[in-house]
């Protein structure tokens, strides 16, 4: 038979482990969401830059940007 304080210790340990797992999930999800939003904004900024260069018929600059993105 398990004594009362052993049961209490098991319950508290379980609650602590589950709480840390939930906290880790929330932090991971928040970081992922923030990084995805940042990447979307960066890609839209680059796309707008390329579109404006295309409208200005600046093909040489577009080619140099493509080479830069390819090397990165």
PDB file of N, CA and C in Angstrom:
ATOM      1  N   UNK A   1       0.845  -1.183   0.000  1.00  0.00           N
ATOM      2  CA  UNK A   1       0.000   0.000   0.000  1.00  0.00           C
ATOM      3  C   UNK A   1       0.889   1.245   0.000  1.00  0.00           C
ATOM      4  N   UNK A   2       0.568   2.191  -0.855  1.00  0.00           N
ATOM      5  CA  UNK A   2       1.334   3.427  -0.937  1.00  0.00           C
ATOM      6  C   UNK A   2       0.849   4.373   0.153  1.00  0.00           C
ATOM      7  N   UNK A   3       1.804   4.975   0.837  1.00  0.00           N
ATOM      8  CA  UNK A   3       1.459   5.908   1.901  1.00  0.00           C
ATOM      9  C   UNK A   3       0.952   7.206   1.301  1.00  0.00           C
ATOM     10  N   UNK A   4       0.293   7.977   2.131  1.00  0.00           N
ATOM     11  CA  UNK A   4      -0.337   9.213   1.666  1.00  0.00           C
ATOM     12  C   UNK A   4       0.681  10.173   1.068  1.00  0.00           C
ATOM     13  N   UNK A   5       1.814  10.362   1.709  1.00  0.00           N
ATOM     14  CA  UNK A   5       2.782  11.343   1.202  1.00  0.00           C
ATOM     15  C   UNK A   5       3.430  10.864  -0.091  1.00  0.00           C
ATOM     16  N   UNK A   6       3.496   9.546  -0.324  1.00  0.00           N
ATOM     17  CA  UNK A   6       3.986   9.048  -1.606  1.00  0.00           C
ATOM     18  C   UNK A   6       2.980   9.346  -2.718  1.00  0.00           C
ATOM     19  N   UNK A   7       1.684   9.162  -2.408  1.00  0.00           N
ATOM     20  CA  UNK A   7       0.646   9.500  -3.379  1.00  0.00           C
ATOM     21  C   UNK A   7       0.690  10.989  -3.703  1.00  0.00           C
ATOM     22  N   UNK A   8       0.846  11.795  -2.665  1.00  0.00           N
ATOM     23  CA  UNK A   8       0.902  13.241  -2.853  1.00  0.00           C
ATOM     24  C   UNK A   8       2.117  13.627  -3.689  1.00  0.00           C
ATOM     25  N   UNK A   9       3.246  13.003  -3.435  1.00  0.00           N
ATOM     26  CA  UNK A   9       4.456  13.278  -4.202  1.00  0.00           C
ATOM     27  C   UNK A   9       4.280  12.891  -5.673  1.00  0.00           C
ATOM     28  N   UNK A  10       3.661  11.760  -5.935  1.00  0.00           N
ATOM     29  CA  UNK A  10       3.410  11.328  -7.318  1.00  0.00           C
ATOM     30  C   UNK A  10       2.472  12.302  -8.022  1.00  0.00           C
ATOM     31  N   UNK A  11       1.424  12.726  -7.342  1.00  0.00           N
ATOM     32  CA  UNK A  11       0.471  13.671  -7.937  1.00  0.00           C
ATOM     33  C   UNK A  11       1.144  15.003  -8.226  1.00  0.00           C
ATOM     34  N   UNK A  12       1.912  15.517  -7.282  1.00  0.00           N
ATOM     35  CA  UNK A  12       2.584  16.801  -7.488  1.00  0.00           C
ATOM     36  C   UNK A  12       3.626  16.715  -8.602  1.00  0.00           C
ATOM     37  N   UNK A  13       4.341  15.603  -8.665  1.00  0.00           N
ATOM     38  CA  UNK A  13       5.321  15.420  -9.738  1.00  0.00           C
ATOM     39  C   UNK A  13       4.632  15.365 -11.097  1.00  0.00           C
ATOM     40  N   UNK A  14       3.531  14.656 -11.164  1.00  0.00           N
ATOM     41  CA  UNK A  14       2.772  14.565 -12.413  1.00  0.00           C
ATOM     42  C   UNK A  14       2.259  15.933 -12.842  1.00  0.00           C
ATOM     43  N   UNK A  15       1.716  16.685 -11.904  1.00  0.00           N
ATOM     44  CA  UNK A  15       1.212  18.027 -12.214  1.00  0.00           C
ATOM     45  C   UNK A  15       2.347  18.924 -12.694  1.00  0.00           C
ATOM     46  N   UNK A  16       3.505  18.832 -12.050  1.00  0.00           N
ATOM     47  CA  UNK A  16       4.651  19.657 -12.446  1.00  0.00           C
ATOM     48  C   UNK A  16       5.125  19.306 -13.855  1.00  0.00           C
ATOM     49  N   UNK A  17       5.245  18.020 -14.146  1.00  0.00           N
ATOM     50  CA  UNK A  17       5.711  17.590 -15.470  1.00  0.00           C
ATOM     51  C   UNK A  17       4.722  18.018 -16.548  1.00  0.00           C
ATOM     52  N   UNK A  18       3.442  17.814 -16.316  1.00  0.00           N
ATOM     53  CA  UNK A  18       2.424  18.199 -17.297  1.00  0.00           C
ATOM     54  C   UNK A  18       2.417  19.711 -17.488  1.00  0.00           C
ATOM     55  N   UNK A  19       2.592  20.462 -16.408  1.00  0.00           N
ATOM     56  CA  UNK A  19       2.627  21.926 -16.519  1.00  0.00           C
ATOM     57  C   UNK A  19       3.803  22.383 -17.373  1.00  0.00           C
ATOM     58  N   UNK A  20       4.973  21.777 -17.183  1.00  0.00           N
ATOM     59  CA  UNK A  20       6.134  22.147 -17.994  1.00  0.00           C
ATOM     60  C   UNK A  20       5.943  21.754 -19.457  1.00  0.00           C
ATOM     61  N   UNK A  21       5.298  20.625 -19.702  1.00  0.00           N
ATOM     62  CA  UNK A  21       5.016  20.237 -21.083  1.00  0.00           C
ATOM     63  C   UNK A  21       4.078  21.237 -21.756  1.00  0.00           C
ATOM     64  N   UNK A  22       3.043  21.647 -21.046  1.00  0.00           N
ATOM     65  CA  UNK A  22       2.104  22.633 -21.596  1.00  0.00           C
ATOM     66  C   UNK A  22       2.803  23.968 -21.811  1.00  0.00           C
ATOM     67  N   UNK A  23       3.623  24.386 -20.860  1.00  0.00           N
ATOM     68  CA  UNK A  23       4.364  25.638 -21.008  1.00  0.00           C
ATOM     69  C   UNK A  23       5.304  25.572 -22.211  1.00  0.00           C
ATOM     70  N   UNK A  24       5.980  24.452 -22.394  1.00  0.00           N
ATOM     71  CA  UNK A  24       6.862  24.285 -23.541  1.00  0.00           C
ATOM     72  C   UNK A  24       6.101  24.352 -24.851  1.00  0.00           C
ATOM     73  N   UNK A  25       4.922  23.753 -24.891  1.00  0.00           N
ATOM     74  CA  UNK A  25       4.104  23.814 -26.103  1.00  0.00           C
ATOM     75  C   UNK A  25       3.695  25.248 -26.407  1.00  0.00           C
ATOM     76  N   UNK A  26       3.286  25.994 -25.397  1.00  0.00           N
ATOM     77  CA  UNK A  26       2.851  27.378 -25.604  1.00  0.00           C
ATOM     78  C   UNK A  26       4.014  28.242 -26.074  1.00  0.00           C
ATOM     79  N   UNK A  27       5.172  28.099 -25.445  1.00  0.00           N
ATOM     80  CA  UNK A  27       6.339  28.897 -25.841  1.00  0.00           C
ATOM     81  C   UNK A  27       6.771  28.535 -27.261  1.00  0.00           C
ATOM     82  N   UNK A  28       6.809  27.249 -27.576  1.00  0.00           N
ATOM     83  CA  UNK A  28       7.191  26.812 -28.921  1.00  0.00           C
ATOM     84  C   UNK A  28       6.227  27.362 -29.964  1.00  0.00           C
ATOM     85  N   UNK A  29       4.940  27.292 -29.687  1.00  0.00           N
ATOM     86  CA  UNK A  29       3.940  27.777 -30.628  1.00  0.00           C
ATOM     87  C   UNK A  29       4.054  29.289 -30.813  1.00  0.00           C
ATOM     88  N   UNK A  30       4.323  30.021 -29.745  1.00  0.00           N
ATOM     89  CA  UNK A  30       4.470  31.475 -29.844  1.00  0.00           C
ATOM     90  C   UNK A  30       5.684  31.847 -30.683  1.00  0.00           C
ATOM     91  N   UNK A  31       6.802  31.199 -30.439  1.00  0.00           N
ATOM     92  CA  UNK A  31       8.019  31.486 -31.207  1.00  0.00           C
ATOM     93  C   UNK A  31       7.808  31.141 -32.677  1.00  0.00           C
ATOM     94  N   UNK A  32       7.163  30.022 -32.951  1.00  0.00           N
ATOM     95  CA  UNK A  32       6.908  29.617 -34.331  1.00  0.00           C
ATOM     96  C   UNK A  32       6.022  30.639 -35.036  1.00  0.00           C
ATOM     97  N   UNK A  33       4.962  31.085 -34.371  1.00  0.00           N
ATOM     98  CA  UNK A  33       4.043  32.048 -34.974  1.00  0.00           C
ATOM     99  C   UNK A  33       4.747  33.364 -35.264  1.00  0.00           C
ATOM    100  N   UNK A  34       5.551  33.839 -34.331  1.00  0.00           N
ATOM    101  CA  UNK A  34       6.266  35.104 -34.521  1.00  0.00           C
ATOM    102  C   UNK A  34       7.260  34.986 -35.668  1.00  0.00           C
ATOM    103  N   UNK A  35       7.990  33.878 -35.731  1.00  0.00           N
ATOM    104  CA  UNK A  35       8.987  33.734 -36.800  1.00  0.00           C
ATOM    105  C   UNK A  35       8.328  33.604 -38.169  1.00  0.00           C
ATOM    106  N   UNK A  36       7.193  32.923 -38.251  1.00  0.00           N
ATOM    107  CA  UNK A  36       6.493  32.793 -39.530  1.00  0.00           C
ATOM    108  C   UNK A  36       5.975  34.151 -39.988  1.00  0.00           C
ATOM    109  N   UNK A  37       5.423  34.937 -39.071  1.00  0.00           N
ATOM    110  CA  UNK A  37       4.937  36.272 -39.436  1.00  0.00           C
ATOM    111  C   UNK A  37       6.088  37.154 -39.914  1.00  0.00           C
ATOM    112  N   UNK A  38       7.220  37.068 -39.249  1.00  0.00           N
ATOM    113  CA  UNK A  38       8.382  37.864 -39.658  1.00  0.00           C
ATOM    114  C   UNK A  38       8.848  37.454 -41.058  1.00  0.00           C
ATOM    115  N   UNK A  39       8.884  36.159 -41.320  1.00  0.00           N
ATOM    116  CA  UNK A  39       9.304  35.687 -42.638  1.00  0.00           C
ATOM    117  C   UNK A  39       8.334  36.128 -43.722  1.00  0.00           C
ATOM    118  N   UNK A  40       7.034  36.126 -43.414  1.00  0.00           N
ATOM    119  CA  UNK A  40       6.045  36.583 -44.392  1.00  0.00           C
ATOM    120  C   UNK A  40       6.260  38.055 -44.731  1.00  0.00           C
ATOM    121  N   UNK A  41       6.502  38.874 -43.707  1.00  0.00           N
ATOM    122  CA  UNK A  41       6.726  40.302 -43.947  1.00  0.00           C
ATOM    123  C   UNK A  41       7.984  40.523 -44.778  1.00  0.00           C
ATOM    124  N   UNK A  42       9.045  39.785 -44.476  1.00  0.00           N
ATOM    125  CA  UNK A  42      10.289  39.912 -45.237  1.00  0.00           C
ATOM    126  C   UNK A  42      10.085  39.516 -46.697  1.00  0.00           C
ATOM    127  N   UNK A  43       9.385  38.410 -46.920  1.00  0.00           N
ATOM    128  CA  UNK A  43       9.154  37.961 -48.289  1.00  0.00           C
ATOM    129  C   UNK A  43       8.288  38.942 -49.064  1.00  0.00           C
ATOM    130  N   UNK A  44       7.294  39.525 -48.399  1.00  0.00           N
ATOM    131  CA  UNK A  44       6.458  40.514 -49.086  1.00  0.00           C
ATOM    132  C   UNK A  44       7.258  41.761 -49.423  1.00  0.00           C
ATOM    133  N   UNK A  45       8.153  42.156 -48.525  1.00  0.00           N
ATOM    134  CA  UNK A  45       8.992  43.322 -48.797  1.00  0.00           C
ATOM    135  C   UNK A  45       9.895  43.058 -49.999  1.00  0.00           C
ATOM    136  N   UNK A  46      10.499  41.877 -50.057  1.00  0.00           N
ATOM    137  CA  UNK A  46      11.361  41.531 -51.186  1.00  0.00           C
ATOM    138  C   UNK A  46      10.552  41.443 -52.488  1.00  0.00           C
ATOM    139  N   UNK A  47       9.353  40.881 -52.392  1.00  0.00           N
ATOM    140  CA  UNK A  47       8.518  40.761 -53.590  1.00  0.00           C
ATOM    141  C   UNK A  47       8.120  42.139 -54.113  1.00  0.00           C
ATOM    142  N   UNK A  48       7.759  43.053 -53.209  1.00  0.00           N
ATOM    143  CA  UNK A  48       7.407  44.408 -53.637  1.00  0.00           C
ATOM    144  C   UNK A  48       8.596  45.097 -54.298  1.00  0.00           C
ATOM    145  N   UNK A  49       9.781  44.865 -53.765  1.00  0.00           N
ATOM    146  CA  UNK A  49      10.981  45.463 -54.345  1.00  0.00           C
ATOM    147  C   UNK A  49      11.219  44.929 -55.761  1.00  0.00           C
ATOM    148  N   UNK A  50      11.064  43.635 -55.940  1.00  0.00           N
ATOM    149  CA  UNK A  50      11.274  43.041 -57.261  1.00  0.00           C
ATOM    150  C   UNK A  50      10.201  43.507 -58.243  1.00  0.00           C
ATOM    151  N   UNK A  51       8.959  43.616 -57.786  1.00  0.00           N
ATOM    152  CA  UNK A  51       7.885  44.091 -58.666  1.00  0.00           C
ATOM    153  C   UNK A  51       8.135  45.529 -59.094  1.00  0.00           C
ATOM    154  N   UNK A  52       8.558  46.372 -58.157  1.00  0.00           N
ATOM    155  CA  UNK A  52       8.828  47.767 -58.528  1.00  0.00           C
ATOM    156  C   UNK A  52      10.010  47.859 -59.496  1.00  0.00           C
ATOM    157  N   UNK A  53      11.013  47.018 -59.314  1.00  0.00           N
ATOM    158  CA  UNK A  53      12.123  46.996 -60.266  1.00  0.00           C
ATOM    159  C   UNK A  53      11.667  46.523 -61.645  1.00  0.00           C
ATOM    160  N   UNK A  54      10.747  45.574 -61.665  1.00  0.00           N
ATOM    161  CA  UNK A  54      10.231  45.079 -62.945  1.00  0.00           C
ATOM    162  C   UNK A  54       9.436  46.171 -63.669  1.00  0.00           C
ATOM    163  N   UNK A  55       8.638  46.924 -62.912  1.00  0.00           N
ATOM    164  CA  UNK A  55       7.868  48.008 -63.526  1.00  0.00           C
ATOM    165  C   UNK A  55       8.779  49.111 -64.057  1.00  0.00           C
ATOM    166  N   UNK A  56       9.929  49.275 -63.443  1.00  0.00           N
ATOM    167  CA  UNK A  56      10.887  50.294 -63.899  1.00  0.00           C
ATOM    168  C   UNK A  56      11.850  49.754 -64.957  1.00  0.00           C
ATOM    169  N   UNK A  57      11.627  48.517 -65.401  1.00  0.00           N
ATOM    170  CA  UNK A  57      12.453  47.865 -66.426  1.00  0.00           C
ATOM    171  C   UNK A  57      13.931  47.830 -66.023  1.00  0.00           C
ATOM    172  N   UNK A  58      14.174  47.503 -64.770  1.00  0.00           N
ATOM    173  CA  UNK A  58      15.533  47.431 -64.253  1.00  0.00           C
ATOM    174  C   UNK A  58      15.932  45.953 -64.131  1.00  0.00           C
ATOM    175  N   UNK A  59      16.092  45.305 -65.283  1.00  0.00           N
ATOM    176  CA  UNK A  59      16.354  43.862 -65.296  1.00  0.00           C
ATOM    177  C   UNK A  59      17.724  43.503 -64.739  1.00  0.00           C
ATOM    178  N   UNK A  60      18.678  44.366 -64.905  1.00  0.00           N
ATOM    179  CA  UNK A  60      20.026  44.084 -64.407  1.00  0.00           C
ATOM    180  C   UNK A  60      20.021  43.999 -62.872  1.00  0.00           C
ATOM    181  N   UNK A  61      19.298  44.907 -62.236  1.00  0.00           N
ATOM    182  CA  UNK A  61      19.205  44.891 -60.762  1.00  0.00           C
ATOM    183  C   UNK A  61      18.447  43.651 -60.284  1.00  0.00           C
ATOM    184  N   UNK A  62      17.411  43.258 -61.014  1.00  0.00           N
ATOM    185  CA  UNK A  62      16.666  42.043 -60.661  1.00  0.00           C
ATOM    186  C   UNK A  62      17.581  40.826 -60.747  1.00  0.00           C
ATOM    187  N   UNK A  63      18.400  40.779 -61.771  1.00  0.00           N
ATOM    188  CA  UNK A  63      19.336  39.661 -61.926  1.00  0.00           C
ATOM    189  C   UNK A  63      20.336  39.624 -60.779  1.00  0.00           C
ATOM    190  N   UNK A  64      20.839  40.788 -60.367  1.00  0.00           N
ATOM    191  CA  UNK A  64      21.800  40.807 -59.255  1.00  0.00           C
ATOM    192  C   UNK A  64      21.129  40.400 -57.943  1.00  0.00           C
ATOM    193  N   UNK A  65      19.862  40.804 -57.755  1.00  0.00           N
ATOM    194  CA  UNK A  65      19.129  40.363 -56.561  1.00  0.00           C
ATOM    195  C   UNK A  65      18.918  38.853 -56.577  1.00  0.00           C
ATOM    196  N   UNK A  66      18.599  38.309 -57.744  1.00  0.00           N
ATOM    197  CA  UNK A  66      18.401  36.861 -57.854  1.00  0.00           C
ATOM    198  C   UNK A  66      19.682  36.110 -57.511  1.00  0.00           C
ATOM    199  N   UNK A  67      20.811  36.637 -57.960  1.00  0.00           N
ATOM    200  CA  UNK A  67      22.089  35.996 -57.633  1.00  0.00           C
ATOM    201  C   UNK A  67      22.387  36.099 -56.142  1.00  0.00           C
ATOM    202  N   UNK A  68      22.025  37.227 -55.540  1.00  0.00           N
ATOM    203  CA  UNK A  68      22.232  37.390 -54.098  1.00  0.00           C
ATOM    204  C   UNK A  68      21.375  36.405 -53.313  1.00  0.00           C
ATOM    205  N   UNK A  69      20.094  36.277 -53.695  1.00  0.00           N
ATOM    206  CA  UNK A  69      19.203  35.350 -52.996  1.00  0.00           C
ATOM    207  C   UNK A  69      19.640  33.907 -53.208  1.00  0.00           C
ATOM    208  N   UNK A  70      20.170  33.612 -54.378  1.00  0.00           N
ATOM    209  CA  UNK A  70      20.616  32.251 -54.662  1.00  0.00           C
ATOM    210  C   UNK A  70      21.822  31.880 -53.808  1.00  0.00           C
ATOM    211  N   UNK A  71      22.712  32.840 -53.590  1.00  0.00           N
ATOM    212  CA  UNK A  71      23.904  32.549 -52.788  1.00  0.00           C
ATOM    213  C   UNK A  71      23.578  32.459 -51.308  1.00  0.00           C
ATOM    214  N   UNK A  72      22.518  33.128 -50.875  1.00  0.00           N
ATOM    215  CA  UNK A  72      22.128  33.062 -49.465  1.00  0.00           C
ATOM    216  C   UNK A  72      21.326  31.804 -49.246  1.00  0.00           C
TER     217      UNK A  72
END
